[in-house]
N, C-alpha and C. Protein backbone atom coordinates (compact mmCIF):
# COMPACT_ATOMS: atom_id res chain seq x y z
N MET A 1 173.49 63.15 -105.95
CA MET A 1 173.83 61.94 -105.22
C MET A 1 173.71 60.74 -106.15
N ALA A 2 174.72 59.87 -106.15
CA ALA A 2 174.74 58.71 -107.04
C ALA A 2 173.66 57.71 -106.63
N THR A 3 173.07 57.07 -107.62
CA THR A 3 172.06 56.05 -107.36
C THR A 3 172.73 54.79 -106.83
N PRO A 4 172.23 54.21 -105.73
CA PRO A 4 172.85 53.00 -105.19
C PRO A 4 172.64 51.81 -106.11
N LYS A 5 173.49 50.79 -105.97
CA LYS A 5 173.33 49.57 -106.74
C LYS A 5 172.22 48.73 -106.13
N LEU A 6 171.19 48.48 -106.91
CA LEU A 6 170.02 47.75 -106.44
C LEU A 6 170.00 46.38 -107.10
N ARG A 7 170.40 45.36 -106.35
CA ARG A 7 170.62 44.05 -106.94
C ARG A 7 169.39 43.15 -106.96
N THR A 8 168.45 43.39 -106.06
CA THR A 8 167.28 42.52 -105.98
C THR A 8 166.00 43.33 -106.15
N LEU A 9 164.92 42.60 -106.44
CA LEU A 9 163.63 43.25 -106.58
C LEU A 9 163.21 43.90 -105.27
N ALA A 10 163.53 43.25 -104.15
CA ALA A 10 163.19 43.81 -102.84
C ALA A 10 163.92 45.13 -102.62
N HIS A 11 165.21 45.19 -103.02
CA HIS A 11 165.97 46.43 -102.87
C HIS A 11 165.35 47.55 -103.72
N LEU A 12 164.94 47.20 -104.93
CA LEU A 12 164.33 48.19 -105.81
C LEU A 12 163.02 48.70 -105.22
N ALA A 13 162.17 47.80 -104.78
CA ALA A 13 160.87 48.19 -104.21
C ALA A 13 161.07 49.06 -102.97
N GLU A 14 162.03 48.69 -102.15
CA GLU A 14 162.30 49.47 -100.94
C GLU A 14 162.77 50.88 -101.28
N ALA A 15 163.64 50.99 -102.27
CA ALA A 15 164.17 52.30 -102.66
C ALA A 15 163.06 53.19 -103.22
N ILE A 16 162.23 52.63 -104.08
CA ILE A 16 161.16 53.42 -104.70
C ILE A 16 160.10 53.80 -103.67
N ASP A 17 159.75 52.86 -102.79
CA ASP A 17 158.76 53.16 -101.76
C ASP A 17 159.25 54.28 -100.84
N ALA A 18 160.53 54.24 -100.51
CA ALA A 18 161.10 55.28 -99.64
C ALA A 18 161.07 56.63 -100.33
N GLU A 19 161.40 56.65 -101.62
CA GLU A 19 161.38 57.90 -102.38
C GLU A 19 159.98 58.51 -102.41
N LEU A 20 159.01 57.68 -102.68
CA LEU A 20 157.64 58.19 -102.77
C LEU A 20 157.07 58.53 -101.39
N GLY A 21 157.43 57.74 -100.41
CA GLY A 21 156.87 57.91 -99.08
C GLY A 21 157.17 59.26 -98.45
N TRP A 22 158.45 59.65 -98.46
CA TRP A 22 158.78 60.92 -97.80
C TRP A 22 158.20 62.11 -98.55
N ARG A 23 158.06 61.97 -99.86
CA ARG A 23 157.48 63.06 -100.65
C ARG A 23 155.99 63.21 -100.36
N LYS A 24 155.29 62.09 -100.26
CA LYS A 24 153.86 62.14 -99.95
C LYS A 24 153.63 62.70 -98.54
N ARG A 25 154.48 62.36 -97.61
CA ARG A 25 154.33 62.88 -96.25
C ARG A 25 154.50 64.39 -96.23
N GLU A 26 155.52 64.88 -96.94
CA GLU A 26 155.76 66.32 -96.95
C GLU A 26 154.59 67.06 -97.60
N LEU A 27 154.07 66.53 -98.68
CA LEU A 27 152.93 67.15 -99.33
C LEU A 27 151.69 67.11 -98.43
N SER A 28 151.54 66.04 -97.68
CA SER A 28 150.41 65.93 -96.76
C SER A 28 150.49 66.98 -95.66
N TYR A 29 151.69 67.21 -95.13
CA TYR A 29 151.86 68.24 -94.10
C TYR A 29 151.46 69.62 -94.63
N LEU A 30 151.90 69.91 -95.85
CA LEU A 30 151.61 71.22 -96.44
C LEU A 30 150.12 71.34 -96.76
N ASN A 31 149.52 70.25 -97.21
CA ASN A 31 148.10 70.24 -97.51
C ASN A 31 147.29 70.56 -96.26
N THR A 32 147.68 69.97 -95.15
CA THR A 32 146.98 70.24 -93.88
C THR A 32 147.13 71.70 -93.47
N ALA A 33 148.35 72.23 -93.64
CA ALA A 33 148.60 73.63 -93.27
C ALA A 33 147.77 74.59 -94.11
N ILE A 34 147.62 74.28 -95.38
CA ILE A 34 146.83 75.14 -96.27
C ILE A 34 145.39 75.23 -95.79
N GLY A 35 144.84 74.12 -95.32
CA GLY A 35 143.47 74.10 -94.87
C GLY A 35 143.22 74.89 -93.60
N LYS A 36 144.28 75.22 -92.89
CA LYS A 36 144.13 75.94 -91.61
C LYS A 36 144.32 77.44 -91.76
N THR A 37 144.62 77.91 -92.95
CA THR A 37 144.85 79.34 -93.16
C THR A 37 143.78 79.91 -94.08
N THR A 38 143.73 81.22 -94.16
CA THR A 38 142.74 81.89 -95.00
C THR A 38 143.36 83.07 -95.72
N SER A 39 142.63 83.59 -96.67
CA SER A 39 142.96 84.84 -97.34
C SER A 39 144.35 84.81 -97.96
N TYR A 40 145.14 85.90 -97.73
CA TYR A 40 146.44 86.04 -98.39
C TYR A 40 147.43 84.96 -97.96
N ALA A 41 147.36 84.57 -96.70
CA ALA A 41 148.27 83.53 -96.22
C ALA A 41 148.01 82.23 -96.96
N GLN A 42 146.75 81.92 -97.17
CA GLN A 42 146.41 80.70 -97.89
C GLN A 42 146.85 80.76 -99.35
N ALA A 43 146.65 81.89 -99.98
CA ALA A 43 147.07 82.06 -101.38
C ALA A 43 148.57 81.87 -101.52
N ALA A 44 149.33 82.41 -100.56
CA ALA A 44 150.79 82.27 -100.61
C ALA A 44 151.19 80.82 -100.41
N GLN A 45 150.51 80.13 -99.50
CA GLN A 45 150.85 78.73 -99.26
C GLN A 45 150.51 77.85 -100.46
N ILE A 46 149.43 78.17 -101.15
CA ILE A 46 149.08 77.40 -102.34
C ILE A 46 150.14 77.59 -103.43
N ARG A 47 150.62 78.81 -103.59
CA ARG A 47 151.69 79.06 -104.56
C ARG A 47 152.93 78.23 -104.20
N ALA A 48 153.28 78.25 -102.93
CA ALA A 48 154.44 77.47 -102.48
C ALA A 48 154.19 75.97 -102.68
N ALA A 49 152.95 75.55 -102.43
CA ALA A 49 152.63 74.13 -102.56
C ALA A 49 152.73 73.66 -104.02
N VAL A 50 152.30 74.48 -104.96
CA VAL A 50 152.40 74.11 -106.38
C VAL A 50 153.86 73.93 -106.78
N ALA A 51 154.71 74.86 -106.35
CA ALA A 51 156.14 74.75 -106.67
C ALA A 51 156.74 73.49 -106.05
N LEU A 52 156.36 73.19 -104.81
CA LEU A 52 156.88 72.00 -104.15
C LEU A 52 156.33 70.73 -104.78
N LEU A 53 155.06 70.77 -105.18
CA LEU A 53 154.45 69.61 -105.84
C LEU A 53 155.19 69.29 -107.13
N TYR A 54 155.51 70.31 -107.91
CA TYR A 54 156.29 70.07 -109.13
C TYR A 54 157.66 69.49 -108.78
N ALA A 55 158.31 70.05 -107.75
CA ALA A 55 159.64 69.56 -107.36
C ALA A 55 159.60 68.09 -107.01
N HIS A 56 158.56 67.68 -106.29
CA HIS A 56 158.44 66.26 -105.93
C HIS A 56 158.12 65.41 -107.15
N TRP A 57 157.35 65.93 -108.08
CA TRP A 57 157.07 65.20 -109.32
C TRP A 57 158.36 64.93 -110.07
N GLU A 58 159.12 65.98 -110.33
CA GLU A 58 160.38 65.81 -111.06
C GLU A 58 161.35 64.92 -110.28
N GLY A 59 161.49 65.21 -109.00
CA GLY A 59 162.46 64.46 -108.19
C GLY A 59 162.12 62.99 -108.12
N PHE A 60 160.84 62.67 -107.97
CA PHE A 60 160.48 61.26 -107.86
C PHE A 60 160.68 60.53 -109.17
N VAL A 61 160.23 61.11 -110.27
CA VAL A 61 160.36 60.44 -111.57
C VAL A 61 161.83 60.15 -111.86
N VAL A 62 162.68 61.13 -111.66
CA VAL A 62 164.11 60.93 -111.93
C VAL A 62 164.68 59.85 -111.02
N ALA A 63 164.38 59.92 -109.72
CA ALA A 63 164.91 58.93 -108.79
C ALA A 63 164.39 57.53 -109.08
N CYS A 64 163.10 57.42 -109.40
CA CYS A 64 162.50 56.12 -109.67
C CYS A 64 163.10 55.48 -110.93
N LEU A 65 163.21 56.24 -112.00
CA LEU A 65 163.73 55.68 -113.24
C LEU A 65 165.22 55.35 -113.13
N ARG A 66 165.95 56.17 -112.39
CA ARG A 66 167.37 55.85 -112.16
C ARG A 66 167.52 54.59 -111.33
N SER A 67 166.66 54.42 -110.34
CA SER A 67 166.70 53.20 -109.53
C SER A 67 166.38 51.98 -110.39
N TYR A 68 165.41 52.11 -111.26
CA TYR A 68 165.06 51.00 -112.14
C TYR A 68 166.24 50.64 -113.05
N MET A 69 166.90 51.63 -113.60
CA MET A 69 168.04 51.36 -114.48
C MET A 69 169.19 50.74 -113.70
N SER A 70 169.36 51.15 -112.44
CA SER A 70 170.37 50.52 -111.60
C SER A 70 170.06 49.04 -111.41
N TYR A 71 168.80 48.73 -111.16
CA TYR A 71 168.39 47.34 -110.99
C TYR A 71 168.66 46.53 -112.26
N VAL A 72 168.28 47.08 -113.41
CA VAL A 72 168.49 46.36 -114.68
C VAL A 72 169.99 46.12 -114.90
N THR A 73 170.80 47.12 -114.63
CA THR A 73 172.25 46.96 -114.80
C THR A 73 172.78 45.83 -113.92
N GLN A 74 172.26 45.74 -112.69
CA GLN A 74 172.73 44.71 -111.76
C GLN A 74 172.29 43.30 -112.15
N GLN A 75 171.39 43.18 -113.12
CA GLN A 75 171.00 41.86 -113.60
C GLN A 75 172.03 41.28 -114.56
N ARG A 76 172.98 42.09 -114.98
CA ARG A 76 174.15 41.67 -115.77
C ARG A 76 173.76 41.02 -117.11
N ALA A 77 172.74 41.53 -117.74
CA ALA A 77 172.33 41.01 -119.06
C ALA A 77 173.16 41.67 -120.15
N GLN A 78 173.37 40.95 -121.24
CA GLN A 78 174.04 41.54 -122.39
C GLN A 78 173.12 42.58 -123.02
N LEU A 79 173.73 43.59 -123.61
CA LEU A 79 172.94 44.63 -124.26
C LEU A 79 172.02 44.04 -125.32
N SER A 80 172.48 43.04 -126.04
CA SER A 80 171.67 42.43 -127.10
C SER A 80 170.42 41.75 -126.57
N LYS A 81 170.40 41.44 -125.26
CA LYS A 81 169.26 40.76 -124.66
C LYS A 81 168.21 41.72 -124.12
N LEU A 82 168.53 43.01 -124.09
CA LEU A 82 167.61 43.99 -123.52
C LEU A 82 166.55 44.41 -124.53
N SER A 83 165.47 44.99 -124.02
CA SER A 83 164.40 45.48 -124.87
C SER A 83 164.91 46.63 -125.75
N PRO A 84 164.26 46.88 -126.88
CA PRO A 84 164.73 47.93 -127.78
C PRO A 84 164.87 49.30 -127.11
N GLY A 85 163.89 49.65 -126.26
CA GLY A 85 163.96 50.95 -125.60
C GLY A 85 165.21 51.10 -124.76
N LEU A 86 165.57 50.06 -124.02
CA LEU A 86 166.76 50.12 -123.18
C LEU A 86 168.05 50.11 -124.01
N ARG A 87 168.02 49.40 -125.15
CA ARG A 87 169.20 49.42 -126.01
C ARG A 87 169.44 50.83 -126.54
N VAL A 88 168.36 51.51 -126.92
CA VAL A 88 168.50 52.90 -127.36
C VAL A 88 168.99 53.77 -126.20
N GLY A 89 168.43 53.54 -124.99
CA GLY A 89 168.86 54.31 -123.84
C GLY A 89 170.34 54.16 -123.57
N ALA A 90 170.85 52.95 -123.73
CA ALA A 90 172.28 52.71 -123.50
C ALA A 90 173.15 53.44 -124.51
N LEU A 91 172.56 53.76 -125.67
CA LEU A 91 173.31 54.43 -126.73
C LEU A 91 173.12 55.94 -126.75
N LEU A 92 172.40 56.48 -125.77
CA LEU A 92 172.11 57.91 -125.80
C LEU A 92 173.36 58.79 -125.86
N PRO A 93 174.41 58.53 -125.08
CA PRO A 93 175.59 59.41 -125.17
C PRO A 93 176.17 59.50 -126.59
N PRO A 94 176.44 58.36 -127.28
CA PRO A 94 176.93 58.50 -128.66
C PRO A 94 175.89 59.06 -129.62
N LEU A 95 174.60 58.79 -129.36
CA LEU A 95 173.55 59.36 -130.20
C LEU A 95 173.53 60.88 -130.10
N ARG A 96 173.70 61.38 -128.88
CA ARG A 96 173.74 62.83 -128.69
C ARG A 96 174.96 63.44 -129.36
N ARG A 97 176.05 62.70 -129.38
CA ARG A 97 177.26 63.18 -130.06
C ARG A 97 177.01 63.29 -131.56
N VAL A 98 176.30 62.32 -132.12
CA VAL A 98 175.96 62.38 -133.55
C VAL A 98 175.09 63.60 -133.83
N GLU A 99 174.12 63.86 -132.94
CA GLU A 99 173.23 65.02 -133.13
C GLU A 99 174.02 66.33 -133.09
N ARG A 100 175.01 66.39 -132.20
CA ARG A 100 175.80 67.62 -132.08
C ARG A 100 176.72 67.82 -133.27
N GLU A 101 177.41 66.77 -133.65
CA GLU A 101 178.47 66.91 -134.65
C GLU A 101 177.95 66.84 -136.09
N ARG A 102 176.88 66.09 -136.29
CA ARG A 102 176.29 65.95 -137.63
C ARG A 102 177.34 65.57 -138.68
N ALA A 103 178.26 64.70 -138.28
CA ALA A 103 179.35 64.30 -139.18
C ALA A 103 179.26 62.81 -139.49
N ALA A 104 179.71 62.44 -140.69
CA ALA A 104 179.67 61.03 -141.09
C ALA A 104 180.52 60.18 -140.17
N ALA A 105 181.66 60.72 -139.73
CA ALA A 105 182.55 59.96 -138.85
C ALA A 105 181.86 59.60 -137.54
N ALA A 106 181.04 60.52 -137.03
CA ALA A 106 180.32 60.26 -135.78
C ALA A 106 179.30 59.15 -135.97
N ARG A 107 178.68 59.10 -137.15
CA ARG A 107 177.69 58.06 -137.42
C ARG A 107 178.37 56.68 -137.51
N VAL A 108 179.53 56.65 -138.14
CA VAL A 108 180.29 55.40 -138.24
C VAL A 108 180.71 54.95 -136.85
N ALA A 109 181.17 55.90 -136.04
CA ALA A 109 181.59 55.58 -134.67
C ALA A 109 180.42 55.02 -133.86
N LEU A 110 179.23 55.58 -134.08
CA LEU A 110 178.04 55.10 -133.37
C LEU A 110 177.75 53.65 -133.75
N LEU A 111 177.81 53.33 -135.03
CA LEU A 111 177.55 51.97 -135.49
C LEU A 111 178.57 50.99 -134.90
N LEU A 112 179.84 51.36 -134.92
CA LEU A 112 180.88 50.50 -134.38
C LEU A 112 180.70 50.30 -132.88
N HIS A 113 180.34 51.39 -132.20
CA HIS A 113 180.11 51.32 -130.75
C HIS A 113 178.97 50.36 -130.45
N TYR A 114 177.90 50.45 -131.22
CA TYR A 114 176.73 49.60 -130.99
C TYR A 114 177.08 48.13 -131.24
N GLU A 115 177.75 47.85 -132.34
CA GLU A 115 178.09 46.46 -132.66
C GLU A 115 179.00 45.86 -131.59
N GLU A 116 179.92 46.66 -131.08
CA GLU A 116 180.83 46.18 -130.05
C GLU A 116 180.10 45.97 -128.72
N ALA A 117 179.17 46.88 -128.41
CA ALA A 117 178.47 46.84 -127.13
C ALA A 117 177.47 45.70 -127.03
N LEU A 118 176.95 45.23 -128.17
CA LEU A 118 175.89 44.23 -128.16
C LEU A 118 176.28 42.96 -127.39
N GLY A 119 177.54 42.56 -127.50
CA GLY A 119 177.99 41.33 -126.86
C GLY A 119 178.48 41.52 -125.44
N LYS A 120 178.42 42.74 -124.94
CA LYS A 120 178.91 43.04 -123.59
C LYS A 120 177.76 43.19 -122.61
N THR A 121 178.11 43.06 -121.33
CA THR A 121 177.11 43.31 -120.29
C THR A 121 176.69 44.77 -120.34
N ALA A 122 175.38 44.99 -120.33
CA ALA A 122 174.86 46.36 -120.44
C ALA A 122 175.15 47.16 -119.18
N GLU A 123 175.60 48.38 -119.36
CA GLU A 123 175.80 49.31 -118.26
C GLU A 123 174.95 50.54 -118.53
N LEU A 124 173.85 50.64 -117.82
CA LEU A 124 172.92 51.75 -118.02
C LEU A 124 173.16 52.80 -116.94
N LYS A 125 173.82 53.85 -117.31
CA LYS A 125 174.19 54.89 -116.36
C LYS A 125 173.02 55.85 -116.19
N GLY A 126 172.12 55.49 -115.28
CA GLY A 126 170.92 56.28 -115.08
C GLY A 126 171.18 57.72 -114.69
N ASP A 127 172.27 57.96 -113.94
CA ASP A 127 172.59 59.33 -113.52
C ASP A 127 172.86 60.23 -114.72
N ARG A 128 173.29 59.62 -115.83
CA ARG A 128 173.56 60.40 -117.05
C ARG A 128 172.37 60.37 -118.01
N LEU A 129 171.67 59.26 -118.04
CA LEU A 129 170.63 59.07 -119.06
C LEU A 129 169.29 59.67 -118.66
N VAL A 130 168.98 59.66 -117.36
CA VAL A 130 167.68 60.17 -116.90
C VAL A 130 167.88 61.58 -116.36
N ASP A 131 167.52 62.55 -117.18
CA ASP A 131 167.71 63.96 -116.84
C ASP A 131 166.44 64.73 -117.23
N ALA A 132 165.79 65.33 -116.24
CA ALA A 132 164.56 66.08 -116.50
C ALA A 132 164.82 67.47 -117.04
N GLU A 133 166.06 67.92 -117.03
CA GLU A 133 166.45 69.24 -117.52
C GLU A 133 165.66 70.36 -116.83
N SER A 134 165.31 70.13 -115.56
CA SER A 134 164.62 71.12 -114.71
C SER A 134 163.28 71.57 -115.27
N ASN A 135 162.70 70.78 -116.15
CA ASN A 135 161.38 71.15 -116.71
C ASN A 135 160.72 69.87 -117.23
N LEU A 136 160.19 69.07 -116.31
CA LEU A 136 159.66 67.76 -116.69
C LEU A 136 158.23 67.89 -117.21
N ASN A 137 158.14 68.40 -118.44
CA ASN A 137 156.84 68.48 -119.10
C ASN A 137 156.51 67.14 -119.74
N SER A 138 155.39 67.06 -120.43
CA SER A 138 154.95 65.77 -120.96
C SER A 138 155.91 65.22 -122.02
N VAL A 139 156.48 66.09 -122.84
CA VAL A 139 157.40 65.62 -123.88
C VAL A 139 158.63 64.97 -123.25
N ARG A 140 159.23 65.64 -122.29
CA ARG A 140 160.41 65.07 -121.64
C ARG A 140 160.05 63.83 -120.83
N PHE A 141 158.92 63.87 -120.16
CA PHE A 141 158.50 62.72 -119.34
C PHE A 141 158.29 61.49 -120.22
N LEU A 142 157.54 61.63 -121.31
CA LEU A 142 157.29 60.49 -122.19
C LEU A 142 158.59 60.00 -122.82
N GLY A 143 159.50 60.93 -123.09
CA GLY A 143 160.81 60.55 -123.61
C GLY A 143 161.60 59.72 -122.61
N LEU A 144 161.53 60.10 -121.33
CA LEU A 144 162.27 59.37 -120.30
C LEU A 144 161.71 57.97 -120.09
N VAL A 145 160.38 57.84 -120.02
CA VAL A 145 159.84 56.50 -119.80
C VAL A 145 160.12 55.60 -121.00
N SER A 146 160.14 56.18 -122.20
CA SER A 146 160.50 55.39 -123.38
C SER A 146 161.96 54.98 -123.34
N CYS A 147 162.81 55.88 -122.86
CA CYS A 147 164.25 55.63 -122.77
C CYS A 147 164.56 54.44 -121.87
N VAL A 148 163.77 54.25 -120.81
CA VAL A 148 164.03 53.12 -119.91
C VAL A 148 163.24 51.87 -120.32
N GLY A 149 162.58 51.94 -121.47
CA GLY A 149 161.92 50.76 -122.01
C GLY A 149 160.47 50.57 -121.64
N PHE A 150 159.84 51.59 -121.00
CA PHE A 150 158.42 51.48 -120.65
C PHE A 150 157.56 51.83 -121.86
N ASP A 151 156.37 51.29 -121.89
CA ASP A 151 155.37 51.68 -122.89
C ASP A 151 154.82 53.04 -122.47
N ALA A 152 155.01 54.06 -123.29
CA ALA A 152 154.59 55.41 -122.94
C ALA A 152 153.09 55.64 -123.11
N SER A 153 152.40 54.77 -123.86
CA SER A 153 150.99 55.03 -124.20
C SER A 153 150.07 55.16 -122.98
N PRO A 154 150.25 54.41 -121.87
CA PRO A 154 149.36 54.61 -120.73
C PRO A 154 149.47 56.00 -120.10
N PHE A 155 150.61 56.66 -120.30
CA PHE A 155 150.83 57.97 -119.71
C PHE A 155 150.37 59.12 -120.63
N GLU A 156 150.22 58.83 -121.92
CA GLU A 156 149.93 59.90 -122.89
C GLU A 156 148.63 60.66 -122.61
N PRO A 157 147.54 60.00 -122.14
CA PRO A 157 146.30 60.76 -121.88
C PRO A 157 146.47 61.84 -120.81
N LEU A 158 147.51 61.74 -119.99
CA LEU A 158 147.72 62.71 -118.93
C LEU A 158 148.62 63.87 -119.34
N SER A 159 149.01 63.89 -120.62
CA SER A 159 149.94 64.93 -121.08
C SER A 159 149.39 66.33 -120.90
N LYS A 160 148.13 66.53 -121.27
CA LYS A 160 147.54 67.86 -121.17
C LYS A 160 147.46 68.31 -119.72
N PHE A 161 147.04 67.40 -118.84
CA PHE A 161 146.98 67.74 -117.42
C PHE A 161 148.37 68.13 -116.90
N LEU A 162 149.36 67.33 -117.24
CA LEU A 162 150.71 67.58 -116.75
C LEU A 162 151.23 68.94 -117.20
N ASP A 163 151.04 69.26 -118.46
CA ASP A 163 151.56 70.51 -119.00
C ASP A 163 150.80 71.73 -118.51
N GLU A 164 149.48 71.63 -118.47
CA GLU A 164 148.67 72.80 -118.16
C GLU A 164 148.40 72.98 -116.66
N SER A 165 148.15 71.88 -115.97
CA SER A 165 147.76 71.99 -114.56
C SER A 165 148.94 72.03 -113.61
N LEU A 166 150.07 71.45 -114.00
CA LEU A 166 151.23 71.44 -113.11
C LEU A 166 152.39 72.27 -113.63
N VAL A 167 152.94 71.89 -114.78
CA VAL A 167 154.16 72.52 -115.26
C VAL A 167 153.95 74.00 -115.58
N ALA A 168 152.86 74.34 -116.27
CA ALA A 168 152.62 75.75 -116.62
C ALA A 168 152.43 76.59 -115.36
N ARG A 169 151.72 76.05 -114.38
CA ARG A 169 151.52 76.81 -113.14
C ARG A 169 152.82 76.96 -112.37
N ARG A 170 153.60 75.90 -112.32
CA ARG A 170 154.91 76.01 -111.64
C ARG A 170 155.78 77.04 -112.33
N ASN A 171 155.81 77.03 -113.65
CA ASN A 171 156.62 78.00 -114.39
C ASN A 171 156.14 79.42 -114.14
N ALA A 172 154.83 79.62 -114.08
CA ALA A 172 154.29 80.95 -113.81
C ALA A 172 154.73 81.45 -112.44
N ILE A 173 154.68 80.58 -111.45
CA ILE A 173 155.11 80.96 -110.11
C ILE A 173 156.60 81.31 -110.09
N CYS A 174 157.40 80.49 -110.75
CA CYS A 174 158.85 80.73 -110.76
C CYS A 174 159.21 82.01 -111.50
N HIS A 175 158.32 82.48 -112.38
CA HIS A 175 158.55 83.73 -113.11
C HIS A 175 157.84 84.91 -112.44
N GLY A 176 157.36 84.70 -111.23
CA GLY A 176 156.78 85.79 -110.46
C GLY A 176 155.38 86.19 -110.84
N GLU A 177 154.66 85.33 -111.53
CA GLU A 177 153.29 85.65 -111.93
C GLU A 177 152.30 85.26 -110.84
N ALA A 178 151.13 85.89 -110.86
CA ALA A 178 150.08 85.55 -109.91
C ALA A 178 149.47 84.21 -110.28
N LEU A 179 148.84 83.58 -109.29
CA LEU A 179 148.24 82.27 -109.53
C LEU A 179 146.85 82.24 -108.90
N ASP A 180 145.85 81.97 -109.72
CA ASP A 180 144.47 81.92 -109.24
C ASP A 180 144.09 80.45 -109.06
N LEU A 181 144.26 79.95 -107.83
CA LEU A 181 144.00 78.54 -107.56
C LEU A 181 143.51 78.41 -106.12
N ASP A 182 142.30 77.89 -105.94
CA ASP A 182 141.79 77.75 -104.58
C ASP A 182 142.19 76.39 -103.99
N VAL A 183 141.82 76.16 -102.76
CA VAL A 183 142.24 74.94 -102.06
C VAL A 183 141.73 73.69 -102.77
N ALA A 184 140.46 73.68 -103.16
CA ALA A 184 139.89 72.50 -103.81
C ALA A 184 140.61 72.19 -105.12
N ALA A 185 140.91 73.23 -105.89
CA ALA A 185 141.60 73.03 -107.17
C ALA A 185 143.01 72.52 -106.94
N TYR A 186 143.69 73.07 -105.94
CA TYR A 186 145.06 72.60 -105.65
C TYR A 186 145.03 71.13 -105.25
N ARG A 187 144.10 70.78 -104.38
CA ARG A 187 144.05 69.39 -103.91
C ARG A 187 143.73 68.42 -105.05
N SER A 188 142.96 68.87 -106.01
CA SER A 188 142.68 68.04 -107.18
C SER A 188 143.96 67.80 -107.98
N VAL A 189 144.73 68.87 -108.18
CA VAL A 189 146.01 68.75 -108.91
C VAL A 189 146.95 67.83 -108.14
N GLU A 190 147.06 68.06 -106.85
CA GLU A 190 147.95 67.23 -106.03
C GLU A 190 147.57 65.75 -106.11
N GLY A 191 146.27 65.47 -106.00
CA GLY A 191 145.82 64.08 -106.08
C GLY A 191 146.18 63.42 -107.40
N ASN A 192 146.03 64.16 -108.48
CA ASN A 192 146.36 63.62 -109.81
C ASN A 192 147.86 63.40 -109.97
N VAL A 193 148.67 64.32 -109.43
CA VAL A 193 150.12 64.17 -109.53
C VAL A 193 150.59 62.97 -108.72
N ILE A 194 150.07 62.81 -107.51
CA ILE A 194 150.44 61.65 -106.70
C ILE A 194 150.02 60.36 -107.39
N SER A 195 148.84 60.36 -108.00
CA SER A 195 148.39 59.18 -108.74
C SER A 195 149.33 58.87 -109.90
N LEU A 196 149.81 59.90 -110.57
CA LEU A 196 150.74 59.71 -111.68
C LEU A 196 152.07 59.17 -111.19
N MET A 197 152.54 59.65 -110.05
CA MET A 197 153.79 59.13 -109.48
C MET A 197 153.61 57.65 -109.10
N GLU A 198 152.45 57.31 -108.55
CA GLU A 198 152.16 55.91 -108.24
C GLU A 198 152.19 55.05 -109.51
N GLN A 199 151.69 55.61 -110.60
CA GLN A 199 151.67 54.89 -111.87
C GLN A 199 153.10 54.63 -112.37
N VAL A 200 153.97 55.61 -112.20
CA VAL A 200 155.38 55.43 -112.58
C VAL A 200 156.01 54.35 -111.71
N LYS A 201 155.76 54.42 -110.42
CA LYS A 201 156.28 53.39 -109.48
C LYS A 201 155.82 52.01 -109.90
N ASN A 202 154.53 51.84 -110.15
CA ASN A 202 153.99 50.53 -110.51
C ASN A 202 154.57 50.02 -111.81
N ALA A 203 154.79 50.92 -112.77
CA ALA A 203 155.40 50.51 -114.03
C ALA A 203 156.81 49.99 -113.81
N ALA A 204 157.58 50.68 -112.98
CA ALA A 204 158.95 50.26 -112.71
C ALA A 204 158.98 48.88 -112.04
N LEU A 205 158.14 48.69 -111.04
CA LEU A 205 158.14 47.41 -110.33
C LEU A 205 157.60 46.28 -111.21
N ASP A 206 156.61 46.58 -112.04
CA ASP A 206 156.06 45.58 -112.96
C ASP A 206 157.11 45.14 -113.98
N HIS A 207 157.83 46.11 -114.54
CA HIS A 207 158.86 45.77 -115.52
C HIS A 207 159.98 44.96 -114.88
N ALA A 208 160.31 45.29 -113.65
CA ALA A 208 161.38 44.56 -112.96
C ALA A 208 160.92 43.14 -112.61
N GLN A 209 159.75 43.03 -111.99
CA GLN A 209 159.26 41.73 -111.54
C GLN A 209 159.03 40.76 -112.70
N ASN A 210 158.50 41.27 -113.80
CA ASN A 210 158.17 40.42 -114.94
C ASN A 210 159.25 40.41 -116.02
N LYS A 211 160.40 40.98 -115.68
CA LYS A 211 161.57 40.98 -116.57
C LYS A 211 161.25 41.54 -117.95
N LYS A 212 160.46 42.62 -117.96
CA LYS A 212 160.12 43.24 -119.23
C LYS A 212 161.28 44.03 -119.81
N PHE A 213 162.38 44.12 -119.06
CA PHE A 213 163.55 44.79 -119.59
C PHE A 213 164.28 43.91 -120.60
N LEU A 214 163.89 42.65 -120.70
CA LEU A 214 164.50 41.74 -121.67
C LEU A 214 163.72 41.77 -122.98
N ALA A 215 164.44 41.56 -124.07
CA ALA A 215 163.80 41.52 -125.39
C ALA A 215 162.90 40.29 -125.48
N LYS A 216 161.81 40.40 -126.21
CA LYS A 216 160.89 39.28 -126.38
C LYS A 216 161.46 38.30 -127.39
């Protein structure tokens, strides 16, 4: 589904709040259900909950960052006025072409494209630029937040948690492996993931409100 055009800060906040809200409610329902079951039924629900928790993590991050890029695009700033991270993000399609082709002509085309684009209104196509590739581990996550111009350093301490406590467990479940995780451990993981999603939300709204998408 295409990201809507978000022209005001209120529109952006409303879109992000809605994205996070329905995901938190669904996780809360499942959390309650887990607490009411025991034995094998509970183990099965925890496995399902881990997979769903990962799905909401990936889905929210992608939706939030795409919404933020939609908002920045609607501010109609020239590419030359945007922060370095966003300027690189706007160039990702030709950059990827250079990586694929490894040809001098592609490098020249990239330079010409950049010089021409600098004086134009920036168009950040979040639907193309923000892609979790169905495996939003710490490397891809930090790459995405950098791509939209956020400082990745506040998120870096959580890399180990993200890879080992969420992504690795989700991958194990998707590959049919057993999972040894009790209710308390699952709820700890869930709480940390929701906190991380809140951190992404706050970063997006802070950058929008304080116009951090503009170059200093």
